[in-house]
Amino acid sequence: MKQRLIVATNNKHKAQEIKDMLAGLEFEVLSLSDIGIDIDVEESGSTYAENALIKAMALRDLTDGWILADDSGLEIDALDRAPGIYSARYLGEDTPYMIKNSIILDKLEDIDDRSARFVCSIALVFEDGSYWITVNKCEGSISDSIQGINGFGYDPIFIPQGYSQTFGVLPVEIKNSISHRAKALQAVVQYCKLLAEESYV
């Protein structure tokens, strides 16, 4: 019987991205919608790691299995690392990302320093309440225009280091191998393999 792993997000794009990246593990990977849970957890932490753990712990009493939660954001150096941990709520949670991205580009119009990074923290909470956390980054820069329709969120304005196109243009296979979330999930995979080798799974 496969270990049940619940991905703690209501974001369908993010849930599918995580499912795809964990496809090689011996897990039954389920999103909140898969198990009929609709919960909006207040992200009251001051770091990505704290927010990821808050979201994961909130689900412990609602379902069986391991809980995986992430918190991620875009940090733009010229904007004092905003939007940061407030990325999802930046300029209003219901504001379309097309508008958010346009406003960010307007703010950077006359600024030469366009360095930025995506940050992702993942918390893995086990049934006994113990947990493991990783934090990973994808360095890059902000483009001078909205480019592409791939991905979601701020992807169309973020150019990863070593590339000339945004995540909105680059094939999803590339994003899923170099992104902040990809790196964090790769760490999860390695950790779970270690657990399996130690016969904890």
N, C-alpha and C. Protein backbone atom coordinates (compact mmCIF):
# COMPACT_ATOMS: atom_id res chain seq x y z
N MET A 1 0.84 -1.20 0.00
CA MET A 1 0.00 0.00 0.00
C MET A 1 0.88 1.25 0.00
N LYS A 2 0.59 2.17 -0.91
CA LYS A 2 1.39 3.38 -1.03
C LYS A 2 1.14 4.33 0.14
N GLN A 3 2.20 5.02 0.53
CA GLN A 3 2.07 6.06 1.55
C GLN A 3 1.23 7.20 0.99
N ARG A 4 0.27 7.65 1.78
CA ARG A 4 -0.62 8.73 1.37
C ARG A 4 0.05 10.08 1.67
N LEU A 5 0.14 10.93 0.66
CA LEU A 5 0.78 12.24 0.80
C LEU A 5 -0.20 13.32 0.34
N ILE A 6 -0.59 14.19 1.25
CA ILE A 6 -1.55 15.24 0.96
C ILE A 6 -0.80 16.54 0.68
N VAL A 7 -1.06 17.13 -0.49
CA VAL A 7 -0.47 18.41 -0.84
C VAL A 7 -1.40 19.52 -0.37
N ALA A 8 -0.95 20.31 0.58
CA ALA A 8 -1.80 21.29 1.25
C ALA A 8 -1.88 22.59 0.48
N THR A 9 -2.64 22.59 -0.59
CA THR A 9 -2.86 23.83 -1.34
C THR A 9 -4.21 23.79 -2.05
N ASN A 10 -4.79 24.97 -2.21
CA ASN A 10 -6.01 25.11 -3.01
C ASN A 10 -5.69 25.57 -4.42
N ASN A 11 -4.41 25.84 -4.67
CA ASN A 11 -3.97 26.31 -5.98
C ASN A 11 -3.82 25.11 -6.91
N LYS A 12 -4.72 24.98 -7.88
CA LYS A 12 -4.74 23.81 -8.76
C LYS A 12 -3.46 23.70 -9.58
N HIS A 13 -2.94 24.83 -10.04
CA HIS A 13 -1.70 24.81 -10.83
C HIS A 13 -0.53 24.29 -9.98
N LYS A 14 -0.44 24.80 -8.75
CA LYS A 14 0.64 24.39 -7.87
C LYS A 14 0.51 22.91 -7.50
N ALA A 15 -0.72 22.47 -7.20
CA ALA A 15 -0.95 21.07 -6.83
C ALA A 15 -0.53 20.14 -7.96
N GLN A 16 -0.88 20.49 -9.19
CA GLN A 16 -0.53 19.63 -10.33
C GLN A 16 0.98 19.63 -10.56
N GLU A 17 1.60 20.79 -10.39
CA GLU A 17 3.04 20.89 -10.56
C GLU A 17 3.75 19.98 -9.56
N ILE A 18 3.30 19.99 -8.32
CA ILE A 18 3.90 19.16 -7.28
C ILE A 18 3.64 17.68 -7.57
N LYS A 19 2.42 17.36 -7.98
CA LYS A 19 2.09 15.97 -8.34
C LYS A 19 3.02 15.45 -9.43
N ASP A 20 3.21 16.28 -10.45
CA ASP A 20 4.06 15.88 -11.58
C ASP A 20 5.49 15.62 -11.13
N MET A 21 6.00 16.48 -10.25
CA MET A 21 7.39 16.36 -9.83
C MET A 21 7.62 15.18 -8.88
N LEU A 22 6.56 14.75 -8.18
CA LEU A 22 6.69 13.63 -7.24
C LEU A 22 6.23 12.32 -7.84
N ALA A 23 5.98 12.32 -9.15
CA ALA A 23 5.40 11.14 -9.81
C ALA A 23 6.26 9.89 -9.65
N GLY A 24 7.57 10.05 -9.49
CA GLY A 24 8.45 8.89 -9.39
C GLY A 24 8.48 8.23 -8.02
N LEU A 25 7.87 8.86 -7.02
CA LEU A 25 7.89 8.31 -5.67
C LEU A 25 6.73 7.33 -5.45
N GLU A 26 6.94 6.40 -4.53
CA GLU A 26 5.89 5.43 -4.21
C GLU A 26 4.90 6.05 -3.23
N PHE A 27 4.23 7.10 -3.69
CA PHE A 27 3.24 7.80 -2.88
C PHE A 27 1.91 7.88 -3.61
N GLU A 28 0.86 7.90 -2.86
CA GLU A 28 -0.44 8.28 -3.41
C GLU A 28 -0.56 9.78 -3.14
N VAL A 29 -0.25 10.58 -4.15
CA VAL A 29 -0.22 12.04 -3.99
C VAL A 29 -1.61 12.61 -4.26
N LEU A 30 -2.16 13.31 -3.27
CA LEU A 30 -3.52 13.84 -3.36
C LEU A 30 -3.52 15.33 -3.03
N SER A 31 -4.34 16.10 -3.74
CA SER A 31 -4.51 17.51 -3.42
C SER A 31 -5.68 17.66 -2.46
N LEU A 32 -5.89 18.86 -1.94
CA LEU A 32 -7.02 19.10 -1.05
C LEU A 32 -8.34 18.85 -1.77
N SER A 33 -8.43 19.24 -3.03
CA SER A 33 -9.67 19.01 -3.78
C SER A 33 -9.92 17.52 -3.99
N ASP A 34 -8.84 16.72 -4.10
CA ASP A 34 -8.99 15.28 -4.27
C ASP A 34 -9.67 14.63 -3.06
N ILE A 35 -9.45 15.20 -1.87
CA ILE A 35 -10.01 14.60 -0.66
C ILE A 35 -11.16 15.43 -0.09
N GLY A 36 -11.62 16.40 -0.87
CA GLY A 36 -12.81 17.17 -0.49
C GLY A 36 -12.62 18.13 0.66
N ILE A 37 -11.43 18.67 0.82
CA ILE A 37 -11.17 19.63 1.89
C ILE A 37 -10.98 21.01 1.28
N ASP A 38 -11.69 21.98 1.79
CA ASP A 38 -11.55 23.37 1.35
C ASP A 38 -11.23 24.20 2.59
N ILE A 39 -9.98 24.52 2.76
CA ILE A 39 -9.56 25.26 3.95
C ILE A 39 -8.61 26.37 3.53
N ASP A 40 -8.77 27.52 4.14
CA ASP A 40 -7.91 28.65 3.85
C ASP A 40 -7.19 29.01 5.15
N VAL A 41 -5.94 28.61 5.24
CA VAL A 41 -5.17 28.80 6.46
C VAL A 41 -4.49 30.17 6.44
N GLU A 42 -4.61 30.91 7.53
CA GLU A 42 -3.97 32.22 7.62
C GLU A 42 -2.46 32.04 7.72
N GLU A 43 -1.74 32.65 6.81
CA GLU A 43 -0.28 32.56 6.79
C GLU A 43 0.29 33.67 7.67
N SER A 44 0.40 33.37 8.96
CA SER A 44 0.78 34.40 9.93
C SER A 44 2.26 34.39 10.26
N GLY A 45 3.03 33.54 9.60
CA GLY A 45 4.45 33.47 9.88
C GLY A 45 5.22 34.64 9.29
N SER A 46 6.47 34.78 9.71
CA SER A 46 7.31 35.87 9.21
C SER A 46 8.35 35.37 8.21
N THR A 47 8.35 34.05 7.95
CA THR A 47 9.26 33.47 6.98
C THR A 47 8.48 32.46 6.13
N TYR A 48 9.08 32.07 5.00
CA TYR A 48 8.47 31.04 4.16
C TYR A 48 8.35 29.73 4.93
N ALA A 49 9.38 29.37 5.68
CA ALA A 49 9.38 28.12 6.43
C ALA A 49 8.27 28.09 7.47
N GLU A 50 8.10 29.20 8.18
CA GLU A 50 7.03 29.26 9.19
C GLU A 50 5.66 29.10 8.53
N ASN A 51 5.44 29.78 7.42
CA ASN A 51 4.14 29.69 6.74
C ASN A 51 3.87 28.28 6.22
N ALA A 52 4.90 27.64 5.66
CA ALA A 52 4.73 26.28 5.16
C ALA A 52 4.34 25.33 6.29
N LEU A 53 5.00 25.48 7.43
CA LEU A 53 4.71 24.61 8.57
C LEU A 53 3.33 24.88 9.14
N ILE A 54 2.92 26.15 9.19
CA ILE A 54 1.58 26.50 9.67
C ILE A 54 0.51 25.83 8.82
N LYS A 55 0.69 25.88 7.50
CA LYS A 55 -0.29 25.28 6.59
C LYS A 55 -0.35 23.76 6.74
N ALA A 56 0.82 23.15 6.87
CA ALA A 56 0.85 21.69 7.00
C ALA A 56 0.23 21.24 8.31
N MET A 57 0.58 21.90 9.40
CA MET A 57 0.06 21.51 10.72
C MET A 57 -1.45 21.68 10.81
N ALA A 58 -1.99 22.66 10.09
CA ALA A 58 -3.44 22.91 10.12
C ALA A 58 -4.25 21.74 9.58
N LEU A 59 -3.61 20.89 8.79
CA LEU A 59 -4.33 19.76 8.18
C LEU A 59 -4.19 18.46 8.95
N ARG A 60 -3.34 18.43 9.94
CA ARG A 60 -3.07 17.16 10.65
C ARG A 60 -4.32 16.50 11.20
N ASP A 61 -5.22 17.29 11.75
CA ASP A 61 -6.42 16.72 12.37
C ASP A 61 -7.56 16.51 11.38
N LEU A 62 -7.34 16.89 10.12
CA LEU A 62 -8.41 16.81 9.12
C LEU A 62 -8.27 15.62 8.19
N THR A 63 -7.10 14.99 8.17
CA THR A 63 -6.90 13.90 7.23
C THR A 63 -5.79 12.97 7.71
N ASP A 64 -5.72 11.80 7.13
CA ASP A 64 -4.67 10.85 7.44
C ASP A 64 -3.55 10.94 6.41
N GLY A 65 -2.36 10.60 6.83
CA GLY A 65 -1.23 10.59 5.91
C GLY A 65 -0.23 11.69 6.21
N TRP A 66 0.80 11.74 5.39
CA TRP A 66 1.78 12.81 5.51
C TRP A 66 1.23 14.04 4.82
N ILE A 67 1.61 15.21 5.33
CA ILE A 67 1.16 16.48 4.76
C ILE A 67 2.36 17.23 4.20
N LEU A 68 2.22 17.68 2.96
CA LEU A 68 3.26 18.49 2.34
C LEU A 68 2.67 19.87 2.04
N ALA A 69 3.30 20.89 2.58
CA ALA A 69 2.85 22.26 2.32
C ALA A 69 4.03 23.11 1.91
N ASP A 70 3.79 24.04 1.03
CA ASP A 70 4.87 24.93 0.62
C ASP A 70 4.44 26.38 0.78
N ASP A 71 5.41 27.22 0.92
CA ASP A 71 5.17 28.66 0.84
C ASP A 71 6.27 29.21 -0.04
N SER A 72 5.89 30.02 -0.99
CA SER A 72 6.88 30.52 -1.94
C SER A 72 6.59 31.98 -2.26
N GLY A 73 7.57 32.63 -2.84
CA GLY A 73 7.38 34.03 -3.19
C GLY A 73 8.47 34.53 -4.10
N LEU A 74 8.24 35.69 -4.64
CA LEU A 74 9.19 36.37 -5.52
C LEU A 74 9.81 37.52 -4.76
N GLU A 75 11.13 37.57 -4.73
CA GLU A 75 11.84 38.66 -4.07
C GLU A 75 12.56 39.50 -5.13
N ILE A 76 12.25 40.78 -5.18
CA ILE A 76 12.87 41.69 -6.14
C ILE A 76 13.75 42.66 -5.37
N ASP A 77 15.04 42.62 -5.62
CA ASP A 77 15.99 43.40 -4.82
C ASP A 77 15.69 44.90 -4.85
N ALA A 78 15.35 45.44 -6.02
CA ALA A 78 15.11 46.88 -6.14
C ALA A 78 13.84 47.32 -5.41
N LEU A 79 12.99 46.38 -5.06
CA LEU A 79 11.77 46.69 -4.31
C LEU A 79 11.88 46.22 -2.87
N ASP A 80 13.10 46.23 -2.34
CA ASP A 80 13.36 45.78 -0.97
C ASP A 80 12.86 44.36 -0.74
N ARG A 81 13.06 43.52 -1.75
CA ARG A 81 12.68 42.11 -1.74
C ARG A 81 11.18 41.87 -1.68
N ALA A 82 10.41 42.89 -2.00
CA ALA A 82 8.97 42.69 -2.17
C ALA A 82 8.73 41.99 -3.51
N PRO A 83 7.61 41.30 -3.66
CA PRO A 83 6.54 41.09 -2.69
C PRO A 83 6.85 40.05 -1.61
N GLY A 84 7.88 39.22 -1.78
CA GLY A 84 8.32 38.31 -0.72
C GLY A 84 7.26 37.35 -0.24
N ILE A 85 7.15 37.21 1.09
CA ILE A 85 6.20 36.25 1.65
C ILE A 85 4.75 36.68 1.41
N TYR A 86 4.57 37.90 0.94
CA TYR A 86 3.22 38.39 0.65
C TYR A 86 2.88 38.26 -0.84
N SER A 87 3.65 37.47 -1.58
CA SER A 87 3.49 37.39 -3.03
C SER A 87 2.07 37.08 -3.48
N ALA A 88 1.41 36.14 -2.82
CA ALA A 88 0.06 35.76 -3.22
C ALA A 88 -0.94 36.87 -2.93
N ARG A 89 -0.65 37.66 -1.88
CA ARG A 89 -1.59 38.71 -1.46
C ARG A 89 -1.18 40.09 -1.96
N TYR A 90 -0.07 40.16 -2.64
CA TYR A 90 0.47 41.44 -3.12
C TYR A 90 -0.53 42.14 -4.03
N LEU A 91 -0.84 43.41 -3.72
CA LEU A 91 -1.80 44.23 -4.48
C LEU A 91 -3.21 43.66 -4.46
N GLY A 92 -3.48 42.77 -3.49
CA GLY A 92 -4.81 42.18 -3.36
C GLY A 92 -4.84 40.75 -3.85
N GLU A 93 -5.34 39.85 -3.01
CA GLU A 93 -5.32 38.43 -3.34
C GLU A 93 -6.13 38.11 -4.59
N ASP A 94 -7.16 38.89 -4.86
CA ASP A 94 -8.02 38.63 -6.01
C ASP A 94 -7.58 39.40 -7.26
N THR A 95 -6.51 40.16 -7.15
CA THR A 95 -6.01 40.91 -8.31
C THR A 95 -5.36 39.95 -9.30
N PRO A 96 -5.77 39.95 -10.56
CA PRO A 96 -5.16 39.06 -11.56
C PRO A 96 -3.66 39.28 -11.66
N TYR A 97 -2.92 38.21 -11.90
CA TYR A 97 -1.47 38.33 -11.99
C TYR A 97 -1.02 39.15 -13.19
N MET A 98 -1.82 39.22 -14.21
CA MET A 98 -1.49 40.09 -15.35
C MET A 98 -1.35 41.53 -14.88
N ILE A 99 -2.25 41.95 -13.98
CA ILE A 99 -2.19 43.31 -13.43
C ILE A 99 -1.02 43.45 -12.47
N LYS A 100 -0.83 42.46 -11.60
CA LYS A 100 0.29 42.50 -10.66
C LYS A 100 1.62 42.61 -11.41
N ASN A 101 1.76 41.78 -12.44
CA ASN A 101 3.00 41.79 -13.20
C ASN A 101 3.22 43.13 -13.90
N SER A 102 2.15 43.70 -14.43
CA SER A 102 2.24 45.00 -15.11
C SER A 102 2.67 46.09 -14.14
N ILE A 103 2.12 46.09 -12.95
CA ILE A 103 2.46 47.11 -11.95
C ILE A 103 3.92 46.97 -11.52
N ILE A 104 4.38 45.73 -11.34
CA ILE A 104 5.79 45.50 -10.99
C ILE A 104 6.70 46.04 -12.08
N LEU A 105 6.37 45.77 -13.33
CA LEU A 105 7.20 46.27 -14.44
C LEU A 105 7.20 47.79 -14.48
N ASP A 106 6.07 48.41 -14.18
CA ASP A 106 6.01 49.88 -14.12
C ASP A 106 6.94 50.42 -13.03
N LYS A 107 6.96 49.75 -11.88
CA LYS A 107 7.81 50.19 -10.77
C LYS A 107 9.29 50.08 -11.10
N LEU A 108 9.63 49.14 -11.98
CA LEU A 108 11.03 48.90 -12.33
C LEU A 108 11.45 49.59 -13.62
N GLU A 109 10.56 50.39 -14.19
CA GLU A 109 10.78 50.95 -15.52
C GLU A 109 12.13 51.67 -15.66
N ASP A 110 12.51 52.46 -14.69
CA ASP A 110 13.76 53.24 -14.80
C ASP A 110 14.86 52.68 -13.89
N ILE A 111 14.74 51.43 -13.51
CA ILE A 111 15.70 50.82 -12.59
C ILE A 111 16.56 49.80 -13.33
N ASP A 112 17.87 49.93 -13.19
CA ASP A 112 18.80 49.02 -13.87
C ASP A 112 18.92 47.68 -13.15
N ASP A 113 18.93 47.72 -11.82
CA ASP A 113 19.06 46.47 -11.05
C ASP A 113 17.74 45.71 -11.07
N ARG A 114 17.69 44.63 -11.83
CA ARG A 114 16.45 43.85 -11.95
C ARG A 114 16.62 42.45 -11.36
N SER A 115 17.65 42.32 -10.50
CA SER A 115 17.91 41.02 -9.89
C SER A 115 16.74 40.60 -9.00
N ALA A 116 16.45 39.32 -9.03
CA ALA A 116 15.32 38.79 -8.27
C ALA A 116 15.53 37.29 -8.06
N ARG A 117 14.67 36.72 -7.23
CA ARG A 117 14.73 35.28 -7.02
C ARG A 117 13.36 34.78 -6.58
N PHE A 118 13.08 33.56 -6.94
CA PHE A 118 11.95 32.84 -6.39
C PHE A 118 12.47 32.02 -5.21
N VAL A 119 11.72 32.01 -4.11
CA VAL A 119 12.09 31.23 -2.92
C VAL A 119 10.95 30.27 -2.61
N CYS A 120 11.29 29.06 -2.25
CA CYS A 120 10.27 28.07 -1.88
C CYS A 120 10.72 27.31 -0.64
N SER A 121 9.84 27.24 0.34
CA SER A 121 10.06 26.39 1.50
C SER A 121 8.99 25.32 1.51
N ILE A 122 9.39 24.10 1.75
CA ILE A 122 8.44 22.99 1.86
C ILE A 122 8.56 22.37 3.25
N ALA A 123 7.40 22.18 3.87
CA ALA A 123 7.33 21.49 5.16
C ALA A 123 6.66 20.14 4.94
N LEU A 124 7.27 19.10 5.45
CA LEU A 124 6.72 17.75 5.37
C LEU A 124 6.41 17.34 6.80
N VAL A 125 5.11 17.16 7.10
CA VAL A 125 4.68 16.83 8.45
C VAL A 125 4.20 15.38 8.48
N PHE A 126 4.72 14.63 9.45
CA PHE A 126 4.39 13.21 9.57
C PHE A 126 3.24 13.01 10.54
N GLU A 127 2.70 11.81 10.54
CA GLU A 127 1.49 11.55 11.33
C GLU A 127 1.70 11.68 12.84
N ASP A 128 2.95 11.56 13.29
CA ASP A 128 3.22 11.71 14.72
C ASP A 128 3.48 13.16 15.12
N GLY A 129 3.38 14.07 14.14
CA GLY A 129 3.58 15.49 14.43
C GLY A 129 4.99 15.99 14.20
N SER A 130 5.93 15.09 13.97
CA SER A 130 7.29 15.52 13.65
C SER A 130 7.30 16.10 12.24
N TYR A 131 8.34 16.86 11.92
CA TYR A 131 8.35 17.50 10.60
C TYR A 131 9.78 17.72 10.11
N TRP A 132 9.86 18.02 8.82
CA TRP A 132 11.12 18.30 8.14
C TRP A 132 10.88 19.47 7.20
N ILE A 133 11.84 20.40 7.11
CA ILE A 133 11.66 21.61 6.30
C ILE A 133 12.88 21.85 5.42
N THR A 134 12.63 22.31 4.20
CA THR A 134 13.71 22.72 3.31
C THR A 134 13.38 24.09 2.71
N VAL A 135 14.40 24.87 2.41
CA VAL A 135 14.23 26.17 1.76
C VAL A 135 15.18 26.23 0.56
N ASN A 136 14.64 26.57 -0.61
CA ASN A 136 15.45 26.60 -1.82
C ASN A 136 15.14 27.84 -2.65
N LYS A 137 16.11 28.24 -3.50
CA LYS A 137 15.97 29.46 -4.29
C LYS A 137 16.27 29.22 -5.77
N CYS A 138 15.69 30.06 -6.60
CA CYS A 138 16.04 30.11 -8.02
C CYS A 138 16.36 31.56 -8.33
N GLU A 139 17.63 31.85 -8.55
CA GLU A 139 18.07 33.22 -8.83
C GLU A 139 17.74 33.60 -10.28
N GLY A 140 17.56 34.89 -10.50
CA GLY A 140 17.27 35.35 -11.86
C GLY A 140 17.09 36.85 -11.90
N SER A 141 16.25 37.29 -12.82
CA SER A 141 16.01 38.73 -12.99
C SER A 141 14.59 38.94 -13.53
N ILE A 142 14.16 40.20 -13.44
CA ILE A 142 12.84 40.56 -13.94
C ILE A 142 12.96 41.06 -15.38
N SER A 143 12.12 40.54 -16.25
CA SER A 143 12.14 40.93 -17.66
C SER A 143 11.63 42.35 -17.82
N ASP A 144 11.72 42.89 -19.03
CA ASP A 144 11.21 44.25 -19.27
C ASP A 144 9.80 44.25 -19.83
N SER A 145 9.23 43.05 -19.97
CA SER A 145 7.84 42.94 -20.45
C SER A 145 7.27 41.60 -20.03
N ILE A 146 5.95 41.48 -20.08
CA ILE A 146 5.29 40.20 -19.79
C ILE A 146 5.49 39.28 -20.99
N GLN A 147 6.05 38.11 -20.73
CA GLN A 147 6.41 37.21 -21.83
C GLN A 147 5.94 35.79 -21.56
N GLY A 148 5.11 35.27 -22.48
CA GLY A 148 4.71 33.87 -22.42
C GLY A 148 3.45 33.61 -21.64
N ILE A 149 2.94 32.40 -21.82
CA ILE A 149 1.69 32.00 -21.17
C ILE A 149 1.86 30.72 -20.36
N ASN A 150 3.07 30.18 -20.32
CA ASN A 150 3.29 28.97 -19.53
C ASN A 150 3.36 29.32 -18.05
N GLY A 151 3.21 28.30 -17.22
CA GLY A 151 3.31 28.51 -15.79
C GLY A 151 2.14 29.30 -15.23
N PHE A 152 2.40 30.03 -14.16
CA PHE A 152 1.35 30.82 -13.51
C PHE A 152 1.99 31.88 -12.64
N GLY A 153 1.18 32.76 -12.08
CA GLY A 153 1.69 33.77 -11.16
C GLY A 153 2.66 34.74 -11.82
N TYR A 154 3.84 34.86 -11.23
CA TYR A 154 4.85 35.80 -11.72
C TYR A 154 5.77 35.18 -12.78
N ASP A 155 5.48 33.97 -13.21
CA ASP A 155 6.34 33.29 -14.20
C ASP A 155 6.61 34.12 -15.46
N PRO A 156 5.61 34.85 -16.01
CA PRO A 156 5.86 35.58 -17.26
C PRO A 156 6.79 36.78 -17.16
N ILE A 157 7.23 37.14 -15.93
CA ILE A 157 8.18 38.26 -15.82
C ILE A 157 9.50 37.84 -15.19
N PHE A 158 9.66 36.55 -14.91
CA PHE A 158 10.89 36.09 -14.23
C PHE A 158 11.76 35.29 -15.19
N ILE A 159 13.00 35.76 -15.36
CA ILE A 159 13.98 35.08 -16.21
C ILE A 159 14.98 34.36 -15.29
N PRO A 160 15.00 33.03 -15.29
CA PRO A 160 15.94 32.33 -14.43
C PRO A 160 17.38 32.52 -14.89
N GLN A 161 18.28 32.51 -13.95
CA GLN A 161 19.70 32.69 -14.23
C GLN A 161 20.19 31.64 -15.24
N GLY A 162 20.93 32.10 -16.26
CA GLY A 162 21.44 31.19 -17.26
C GLY A 162 20.54 31.06 -18.48
N TYR A 163 19.40 31.74 -18.45
CA TYR A 163 18.45 31.69 -19.57
C TYR A 163 18.13 33.11 -20.03
N SER A 164 17.56 33.22 -21.20
CA SER A 164 17.20 34.53 -21.75
C SER A 164 15.69 34.70 -21.87
N GLN A 165 14.94 33.66 -21.50
CA GLN A 165 13.48 33.70 -21.58
C GLN A 165 12.87 33.52 -20.20
N THR A 166 11.63 34.00 -20.04
CA THR A 166 10.94 33.87 -18.77
C THR A 166 10.40 32.45 -18.59
N PHE A 167 10.00 32.14 -17.37
CA PHE A 167 9.33 30.87 -17.11
C PHE A 167 8.02 30.77 -17.90
N GLY A 168 7.49 31.93 -18.29
CA GLY A 168 6.27 31.94 -19.09
C GLY A 168 6.49 31.48 -20.51
N VAL A 169 7.76 31.52 -20.96
CA VAL A 169 8.12 31.11 -22.32
C VAL A 169 8.81 29.75 -22.33
N LEU A 170 9.67 29.51 -21.36
CA LEU A 170 10.43 28.27 -21.31
C LEU A 170 9.51 27.06 -21.20
N PRO A 171 9.88 25.95 -21.81
CA PRO A 171 9.08 24.73 -21.68
C PRO A 171 8.92 24.33 -20.22
N VAL A 172 7.79 23.76 -19.88
CA VAL A 172 7.51 23.39 -18.49
C VAL A 172 8.54 22.39 -17.98
N GLU A 173 9.10 21.57 -18.87
CA GLU A 173 10.11 20.59 -18.45
C GLU A 173 11.34 21.27 -17.89
N ILE A 174 11.70 22.41 -18.48
CA ILE A 174 12.86 23.16 -17.97
C ILE A 174 12.53 23.78 -16.62
N LYS A 175 11.37 24.42 -16.54
CA LYS A 175 10.97 25.01 -15.26
C LYS A 175 10.96 23.97 -14.16
N ASN A 176 10.41 22.80 -14.46
CA ASN A 176 10.27 21.75 -13.45
C ASN A 176 11.60 21.08 -13.09
N SER A 177 12.68 21.54 -13.70
CA SER A 177 13.98 21.00 -13.34
C SER A 177 14.87 22.03 -12.64
N ILE A 178 14.54 23.33 -12.79
CA ILE A 178 15.43 24.36 -12.23
C ILE A 178 14.74 25.33 -11.27
N SER A 179 13.42 25.28 -11.17
CA SER A 179 12.71 26.28 -10.36
C SER A 179 12.96 26.10 -8.87
N HIS A 180 12.58 27.11 -8.11
CA HIS A 180 12.67 27.06 -6.65
C HIS A 180 11.89 25.88 -6.09
N ARG A 181 10.69 25.66 -6.63
CA ARG A 181 9.86 24.55 -6.15
C ARG A 181 10.45 23.21 -6.59
N ALA A 182 11.03 23.18 -7.79
CA ALA A 182 11.66 21.94 -8.26
C ALA A 182 12.81 21.55 -7.34
N LYS A 183 13.64 22.53 -6.96
CA LYS A 183 14.77 22.26 -6.08
C LYS A 183 14.29 21.78 -4.71
N ALA A 184 13.23 22.42 -4.20
CA ALA A 184 12.70 22.02 -2.90
C ALA A 184 12.12 20.60 -2.97
N LEU A 185 11.41 20.30 -4.06
CA LEU A 185 10.83 18.97 -4.21
C LEU A 185 11.89 17.91 -4.44
N GLN A 186 12.97 18.30 -5.12
CA GLN A 186 14.09 17.36 -5.28
C GLN A 186 14.69 17.01 -3.91
N ALA A 187 14.73 18.01 -3.03
CA ALA A 187 15.20 17.76 -1.67
C ALA A 187 14.24 16.83 -0.93
N VAL A 188 12.93 17.03 -1.15
CA VAL A 188 11.91 16.15 -0.55
C VAL A 188 12.10 14.72 -1.03
N VAL A 189 12.30 14.57 -2.34
CA VAL A 189 12.48 13.23 -2.92
C VAL A 189 13.67 12.53 -2.29
N GLN A 190 14.80 13.26 -2.19
CA GLN A 190 16.00 12.66 -1.61
C GLN A 190 15.79 12.28 -0.15
N TYR A 191 15.07 13.14 0.58
CA TYR A 191 14.80 12.86 1.99
C TYR A 191 13.90 11.64 2.14
N CYS A 192 12.87 11.54 1.29
CA CYS A 192 11.95 10.40 1.36
C CYS A 192 12.65 9.10 0.98
N LYS A 193 13.57 9.18 0.03
CA LYS A 193 14.35 7.99 -0.34
C LYS A 193 15.22 7.55 0.84
N LEU A 194 15.77 8.52 1.55
CA LEU A 194 16.57 8.21 2.72
C LEU A 194 15.73 7.52 3.79
N LEU A 195 14.52 8.03 3.99
CA LEU A 195 13.61 7.42 4.94
C LEU A 195 13.28 5.98 4.53
N ALA A 196 13.05 5.78 3.24
CA ALA A 196 12.73 4.46 2.74
C ALA A 196 13.87 3.50 2.98
N GLU A 197 15.10 3.98 2.75
CA GLU A 197 16.28 3.14 2.97
C GLU A 197 16.43 2.77 4.44
N GLU A 198 15.95 3.66 5.31
CA GLU A 198 16.05 3.39 6.75
C GLU A 198 14.82 2.67 7.27
N SER A 199 13.93 2.28 6.31
CA SER A 199 12.72 1.49 6.63
C SER A 199 11.73 2.23 7.51
N TYR A 200 11.68 3.58 7.33
CA TYR A 200 10.70 4.36 8.06
C TYR A 200 9.40 4.50 7.27
N VAL A 201 9.42 4.18 5.98
CA VAL A 201 8.22 4.30 5.17
C VAL A 201 7.53 2.96 5.10
